[in-house]
Amino acid sequence: MHKAQALAIHCIDLRFQKMIDDDLKKRGLFGKFDRISWAGASKDLRDVKNNAAISLKLHNPDEVLIYEHEDCGAYGKDNSEKTHKNNAQKLADALKKIKPSLKVEILIATFNGIKPLE
């Protein structure tokens, strides 16, 4: 089995890719994580959870970083931080049911940087 330190889940939006990669490098995770890039990040709970479950099974990461982002086209008009937080929390809860010891961090990429999504 190949061991990943983390699993990063983020949107496909090209505007935030470098910022997310830089954040992963800053955390010392670059090259040591699995990545799921999905339109809307956590918006499509079932499909993203199923893909994440494969990472958890095959590469056993101890941590998941969920990167939401502002101005997300996949969300359409309901693009509030509250909606992003609610969806990301549902995904976090679903992943912790698969692996209870999992550390999950929910973040939002903004045009001014990445911050915790609270």
N, C-alpha and C. Protein backbone atom coordinates (compact mmCIF):
# COMPACT_ATOMS: atom_id res chain seq x y z
N MET A 1 0.84 -1.19 0.00
CA MET A 1 0.00 0.00 0.00
C MET A 1 0.88 1.25 0.00
N HIS A 2 0.50 2.21 -0.79
CA HIS A 2 1.17 3.51 -0.79
C HIS A 2 0.46 4.39 0.22
N LYS A 3 1.21 5.02 1.10
CA LYS A 3 0.63 5.86 2.16
C LYS A 3 0.67 7.32 1.74
N ALA A 4 -0.51 7.96 1.76
CA ALA A 4 -0.59 9.40 1.52
C ALA A 4 -0.68 10.10 2.88
N GLN A 5 -0.05 11.23 3.01
CA GLN A 5 -0.19 12.01 4.23
C GLN A 5 -1.56 12.67 4.29
N ALA A 6 -2.06 13.08 3.13
CA ALA A 6 -3.31 13.83 3.11
C ALA A 6 -4.07 13.57 1.81
N LEU A 7 -5.31 13.99 1.84
CA LEU A 7 -6.16 14.03 0.65
C LEU A 7 -6.63 15.46 0.50
N ALA A 8 -6.40 16.06 -0.66
CA ALA A 8 -6.86 17.42 -0.94
C ALA A 8 -8.04 17.33 -1.90
N ILE A 9 -9.12 18.00 -1.53
CA ILE A 9 -10.33 18.04 -2.36
C ILE A 9 -10.59 19.50 -2.70
N HIS A 10 -10.69 19.79 -4.00
CA HIS A 10 -10.93 21.17 -4.41
C HIS A 10 -11.67 21.20 -5.73
N CYS A 11 -12.11 22.38 -6.10
CA CYS A 11 -12.84 22.60 -7.34
C CYS A 11 -11.89 22.57 -8.55
N ILE A 12 -12.48 22.43 -9.70
CA ILE A 12 -11.69 22.42 -10.95
C ILE A 12 -11.24 23.81 -11.38
N ASP A 13 -11.77 24.85 -10.76
CA ASP A 13 -11.56 26.23 -11.22
C ASP A 13 -10.08 26.59 -11.30
N LEU A 14 -9.64 26.91 -12.50
CA LEU A 14 -8.23 27.22 -12.75
C LEU A 14 -7.73 28.45 -11.99
N ARG A 15 -8.62 29.34 -11.62
CA ARG A 15 -8.19 30.58 -10.95
C ARG A 15 -7.57 30.32 -9.58
N PHE A 16 -7.83 29.18 -8.98
CA PHE A 16 -7.37 28.93 -7.62
C PHE A 16 -6.33 27.81 -7.53
N GLN A 17 -5.94 27.22 -8.66
CA GLN A 17 -5.03 26.08 -8.64
C GLN A 17 -3.67 26.41 -8.05
N LYS A 18 -3.04 27.50 -8.49
CA LYS A 18 -1.72 27.86 -7.98
C LYS A 18 -1.79 28.16 -6.49
N MET A 19 -2.82 28.86 -6.07
CA MET A 19 -2.98 29.21 -4.66
C MET A 19 -3.09 27.93 -3.80
N ILE A 20 -3.87 26.98 -4.26
CA ILE A 20 -4.04 25.72 -3.52
C ILE A 20 -2.74 24.94 -3.52
N ASP A 21 -2.08 24.84 -4.66
CA ASP A 21 -0.79 24.16 -4.71
C ASP A 21 0.22 24.81 -3.79
N ASP A 22 0.27 26.14 -3.77
CA ASP A 22 1.19 26.85 -2.88
C ASP A 22 0.87 26.55 -1.42
N ASP A 23 -0.41 26.46 -1.08
CA ASP A 23 -0.81 26.14 0.29
C ASP A 23 -0.35 24.73 0.66
N LEU A 24 -0.52 23.79 -0.25
CA LEU A 24 -0.09 22.42 0.01
C LEU A 24 1.43 22.34 0.16
N LYS A 25 2.16 23.11 -0.64
CA LYS A 25 3.62 23.16 -0.51
C LYS A 25 4.02 23.74 0.84
N LYS A 26 3.35 24.82 1.24
CA LYS A 26 3.63 25.47 2.52
C LYS A 26 3.41 24.50 3.68
N ARG A 27 2.46 23.61 3.54
CA ARG A 27 2.16 22.62 4.57
C ARG A 27 3.09 21.41 4.52
N GLY A 28 3.98 21.39 3.54
CA GLY A 28 4.91 20.28 3.40
C GLY A 28 4.26 19.01 2.84
N LEU A 29 3.15 19.18 2.14
CA LEU A 29 2.40 18.03 1.65
C LEU A 29 2.58 17.76 0.17
N PHE A 30 3.17 18.69 -0.56
CA PHE A 30 3.23 18.53 -2.01
C PHE A 30 3.99 17.26 -2.37
N GLY A 31 3.37 16.43 -3.21
CA GLY A 31 3.95 15.15 -3.59
C GLY A 31 3.65 14.04 -2.59
N LYS A 32 2.89 14.36 -1.55
CA LYS A 32 2.60 13.38 -0.49
C LYS A 32 1.10 13.26 -0.25
N PHE A 33 0.30 13.69 -1.23
CA PHE A 33 -1.14 13.69 -1.03
C PHE A 33 -1.86 13.19 -2.27
N ASP A 34 -3.07 12.66 -2.03
CA ASP A 34 -3.98 12.36 -3.12
C ASP A 34 -4.78 13.62 -3.40
N ARG A 35 -5.29 13.74 -4.63
CA ARG A 35 -6.03 14.94 -5.01
C ARG A 35 -7.32 14.54 -5.72
N ILE A 36 -8.41 15.19 -5.30
CA ILE A 36 -9.67 15.09 -6.02
C ILE A 36 -10.03 16.51 -6.45
N SER A 37 -10.15 16.71 -7.75
CA SER A 37 -10.57 17.99 -8.29
C SER A 37 -11.94 17.78 -8.91
N TRP A 38 -12.95 18.42 -8.32
CA TRP A 38 -14.34 18.18 -8.71
C TRP A 38 -15.07 19.52 -8.77
N ALA A 39 -15.85 19.73 -9.79
CA ALA A 39 -16.62 20.98 -9.91
C ALA A 39 -17.46 21.18 -8.66
N GLY A 40 -17.21 22.29 -7.96
CA GLY A 40 -17.94 22.59 -6.74
C GLY A 40 -17.33 21.97 -5.49
N ALA A 41 -16.19 21.32 -5.61
CA ALA A 41 -15.49 20.67 -4.49
C ALA A 41 -16.43 19.72 -3.75
N SER A 42 -17.06 20.15 -2.66
CA SER A 42 -17.90 19.25 -1.86
C SER A 42 -19.37 19.28 -2.25
N LYS A 43 -19.71 20.02 -3.29
CA LYS A 43 -21.12 20.21 -3.66
C LYS A 43 -21.81 18.89 -4.01
N ASP A 44 -21.15 18.03 -4.72
CA ASP A 44 -21.72 16.75 -5.15
C ASP A 44 -21.28 15.67 -4.15
N LEU A 45 -21.95 15.65 -3.01
CA LEU A 45 -21.52 14.83 -1.87
C LEU A 45 -21.28 13.37 -2.25
N ARG A 46 -22.24 12.74 -2.89
CA ARG A 46 -22.14 11.30 -3.15
C ARG A 46 -20.90 10.95 -3.97
N ASP A 47 -20.71 11.62 -5.09
CA ASP A 47 -19.59 11.27 -5.97
C ASP A 47 -18.24 11.61 -5.34
N VAL A 48 -18.15 12.76 -4.70
CA VAL A 48 -16.87 13.14 -4.08
C VAL A 48 -16.56 12.19 -2.91
N LYS A 49 -17.57 11.87 -2.12
CA LYS A 49 -17.37 10.93 -1.01
C LYS A 49 -16.91 9.56 -1.53
N ASN A 50 -17.51 9.08 -2.61
CA ASN A 50 -17.12 7.78 -3.16
C ASN A 50 -15.67 7.80 -3.65
N ASN A 51 -15.25 8.89 -4.28
CA ASN A 51 -13.85 8.99 -4.72
C ASN A 51 -12.92 9.10 -3.52
N ALA A 52 -13.32 9.88 -2.52
CA ALA A 52 -12.49 10.02 -1.32
C ALA A 52 -12.35 8.68 -0.60
N ALA A 53 -13.41 7.89 -0.60
CA ALA A 53 -13.37 6.58 0.06
C ALA A 53 -12.31 5.69 -0.58
N ILE A 54 -12.11 5.83 -1.88
CA ILE A 54 -11.07 5.06 -2.56
C ILE A 54 -9.69 5.48 -2.07
N SER A 55 -9.48 6.78 -1.93
CA SER A 55 -8.21 7.27 -1.39
C SER A 55 -7.99 6.75 0.03
N LEU A 56 -9.05 6.82 0.85
CA LEU A 56 -8.93 6.36 2.24
C LEU A 56 -8.59 4.87 2.29
N LYS A 57 -9.20 4.09 1.41
CA LYS A 57 -8.96 2.65 1.38
C LYS A 57 -7.56 2.31 0.86
N LEU A 58 -7.18 2.93 -0.25
CA LEU A 58 -5.94 2.55 -0.90
C LEU A 58 -4.69 3.23 -0.33
N HIS A 59 -4.83 4.48 0.10
CA HIS A 59 -3.65 5.26 0.49
C HIS A 59 -3.68 5.76 1.93
N ASN A 60 -4.78 5.52 2.62
CA ASN A 60 -4.92 5.73 4.06
C ASN A 60 -4.39 7.08 4.57
N PRO A 61 -4.80 8.21 3.98
CA PRO A 61 -4.35 9.50 4.51
C PRO A 61 -4.90 9.73 5.91
N ASP A 62 -4.16 10.49 6.69
CA ASP A 62 -4.59 10.83 8.06
C ASP A 62 -5.35 12.14 8.11
N GLU A 63 -5.29 12.88 7.02
CA GLU A 63 -5.86 14.23 7.01
C GLU A 63 -6.51 14.51 5.66
N VAL A 64 -7.60 15.27 5.69
CA VAL A 64 -8.26 15.73 4.48
C VAL A 64 -8.36 17.25 4.53
N LEU A 65 -8.01 17.88 3.43
CA LEU A 65 -8.15 19.33 3.28
C LEU A 65 -9.22 19.56 2.22
N ILE A 66 -10.31 20.19 2.62
CA ILE A 66 -11.38 20.51 1.68
C ILE A 66 -11.27 22.00 1.37
N TYR A 67 -10.97 22.30 0.12
CA TYR A 67 -10.83 23.69 -0.34
C TYR A 67 -12.07 24.09 -1.13
N GLU A 68 -12.92 24.89 -0.54
CA GLU A 68 -14.00 25.53 -1.27
C GLU A 68 -13.41 26.81 -1.88
N HIS A 69 -14.18 27.53 -2.70
CA HIS A 69 -13.67 28.83 -3.17
C HIS A 69 -14.83 29.77 -3.47
N GLU A 70 -14.52 31.06 -3.36
CA GLU A 70 -15.54 32.06 -3.65
C GLU A 70 -15.79 32.14 -5.15
N ASP A 71 -16.94 32.69 -5.53
CA ASP A 71 -17.31 32.89 -6.93
C ASP A 71 -17.29 31.57 -7.70
N CYS A 72 -17.88 30.53 -7.11
CA CYS A 72 -17.87 29.19 -7.72
C CYS A 72 -19.05 29.04 -8.67
N GLY A 73 -18.77 28.84 -9.94
CA GLY A 73 -19.81 28.69 -10.94
C GLY A 73 -20.67 27.46 -10.74
N ALA A 74 -20.12 26.40 -10.15
CA ALA A 74 -20.90 25.18 -9.92
C ALA A 74 -22.04 25.43 -8.93
N TYR A 75 -21.89 26.41 -8.08
CA TYR A 75 -22.92 26.74 -7.10
C TYR A 75 -24.00 27.66 -7.65
N GLY A 76 -23.70 28.34 -8.74
CA GLY A 76 -24.69 29.27 -9.29
C GLY A 76 -24.97 30.41 -8.32
N LYS A 77 -26.24 30.71 -8.13
CA LYS A 77 -26.62 31.86 -7.30
C LYS A 77 -26.44 31.61 -5.81
N ASP A 78 -26.52 30.36 -5.36
CA ASP A 78 -26.37 30.04 -3.94
C ASP A 78 -24.91 29.78 -3.63
N ASN A 79 -24.12 30.84 -3.62
CA ASN A 79 -22.67 30.76 -3.55
C ASN A 79 -22.15 31.37 -2.25
N SER A 80 -22.94 31.34 -1.19
CA SER A 80 -22.54 31.96 0.07
C SER A 80 -21.53 31.09 0.80
N GLU A 81 -20.75 31.70 1.68
CA GLU A 81 -19.81 30.94 2.50
C GLU A 81 -20.58 29.93 3.36
N LYS A 82 -21.77 30.30 3.80
CA LYS A 82 -22.58 29.40 4.62
C LYS A 82 -22.92 28.12 3.84
N THR A 83 -23.31 28.26 2.58
CA THR A 83 -23.63 27.09 1.75
C THR A 83 -22.39 26.23 1.54
N HIS A 84 -21.26 26.86 1.23
CA HIS A 84 -20.01 26.12 1.06
C HIS A 84 -19.66 25.37 2.35
N LYS A 85 -19.77 26.05 3.47
CA LYS A 85 -19.44 25.46 4.78
C LYS A 85 -20.35 24.27 5.07
N ASN A 86 -21.65 24.42 4.83
CA ASN A 86 -22.60 23.34 5.09
C ASN A 86 -22.28 22.11 4.25
N ASN A 87 -22.00 22.30 2.96
CA ASN A 87 -21.67 21.17 2.09
C ASN A 87 -20.35 20.52 2.50
N ALA A 88 -19.36 21.35 2.79
CA ALA A 88 -18.05 20.81 3.19
C ALA A 88 -18.16 20.04 4.51
N GLN A 89 -18.98 20.54 5.43
CA GLN A 89 -19.15 19.86 6.72
C GLN A 89 -19.84 18.51 6.53
N LYS A 90 -20.82 18.44 5.62
CA LYS A 90 -21.48 17.16 5.33
C LYS A 90 -20.47 16.16 4.78
N LEU A 91 -19.59 16.63 3.90
CA LEU A 91 -18.55 15.75 3.36
C LEU A 91 -17.59 15.32 4.46
N ALA A 92 -17.17 16.26 5.30
CA ALA A 92 -16.26 15.94 6.40
C ALA A 92 -16.88 14.88 7.31
N ASP A 93 -18.14 15.06 7.66
CA ASP A 93 -18.83 14.11 8.54
C ASP A 93 -18.91 12.73 7.89
N ALA A 94 -19.20 12.68 6.60
CA ALA A 94 -19.29 11.40 5.88
C ALA A 94 -17.94 10.70 5.85
N LEU A 95 -16.86 11.45 5.68
CA LEU A 95 -15.52 10.85 5.63
C LEU A 95 -15.09 10.36 7.00
N LYS A 96 -15.48 11.08 8.05
CA LYS A 96 -15.14 10.65 9.41
C LYS A 96 -15.90 9.38 9.79
N LYS A 97 -17.03 9.11 9.15
CA LYS A 97 -17.73 7.85 9.39
C LYS A 97 -16.93 6.69 8.80
N ILE A 98 -16.24 6.96 7.70
CA ILE A 98 -15.41 5.93 7.07
C ILE A 98 -14.14 5.71 7.89
N LYS A 99 -13.53 6.80 8.35
CA LYS A 99 -12.29 6.73 9.14
C LYS A 99 -12.42 7.72 10.30
N PRO A 100 -12.87 7.25 11.46
CA PRO A 100 -13.14 8.15 12.58
C PRO A 100 -11.94 8.99 13.06
N SER A 101 -10.73 8.49 12.88
CA SER A 101 -9.55 9.23 13.33
C SER A 101 -9.11 10.34 12.37
N LEU A 102 -9.81 10.48 11.26
CA LEU A 102 -9.43 11.43 10.21
C LEU A 102 -9.50 12.87 10.71
N LYS A 103 -8.47 13.63 10.43
CA LYS A 103 -8.47 15.08 10.70
C LYS A 103 -8.94 15.76 9.41
N VAL A 104 -9.98 16.59 9.51
CA VAL A 104 -10.50 17.27 8.33
C VAL A 104 -10.43 18.77 8.56
N GLU A 105 -9.85 19.47 7.61
CA GLU A 105 -9.78 20.94 7.66
C GLU A 105 -10.58 21.49 6.49
N ILE A 106 -11.48 22.42 6.79
CA ILE A 106 -12.32 23.05 5.77
C ILE A 106 -11.81 24.46 5.54
N LEU A 107 -11.47 24.74 4.29
CA LEU A 107 -10.86 26.02 3.92
C LEU A 107 -11.65 26.65 2.78
N ILE A 108 -11.44 27.95 2.60
CA ILE A 108 -12.01 28.62 1.42
C ILE A 108 -10.91 29.45 0.77
N ALA A 109 -10.78 29.27 -0.53
CA ALA A 109 -9.85 30.08 -1.32
C ALA A 109 -10.61 31.32 -1.78
N THR A 110 -10.06 32.46 -1.44
CA THR A 110 -10.63 33.74 -1.88
C THR A 110 -9.63 34.40 -2.81
N PHE A 111 -10.03 35.47 -3.43
CA PHE A 111 -9.10 36.17 -4.31
C PHE A 111 -7.99 36.84 -3.52
N ASN A 112 -8.12 36.86 -2.18
CA ASN A 112 -7.10 37.44 -1.30
C ASN A 112 -6.31 36.38 -0.53
N GLY A 113 -6.56 35.12 -0.81
CA GLY A 113 -5.83 34.06 -0.11
C GLY A 113 -6.75 32.99 0.42
N ILE A 114 -6.15 32.04 1.14
CA ILE A 114 -6.88 30.90 1.69
C ILE A 114 -7.04 31.12 3.19
N LYS A 115 -8.24 30.82 3.68
CA LYS A 115 -8.51 30.97 5.11
C LYS A 115 -9.42 29.83 5.56
N PRO A 116 -9.46 29.57 6.87
CA PRO A 116 -10.42 28.58 7.37
C PRO A 116 -11.84 29.03 7.06
N LEU A 117 -12.69 28.08 6.74
CA LEU A 117 -14.10 28.38 6.45
C LEU A 117 -14.88 28.12 7.73
N GLU A 118 -15.22 29.20 8.41
CA GLU A 118 -15.89 29.08 9.71
C GLU A 118 -17.31 29.57 9.66
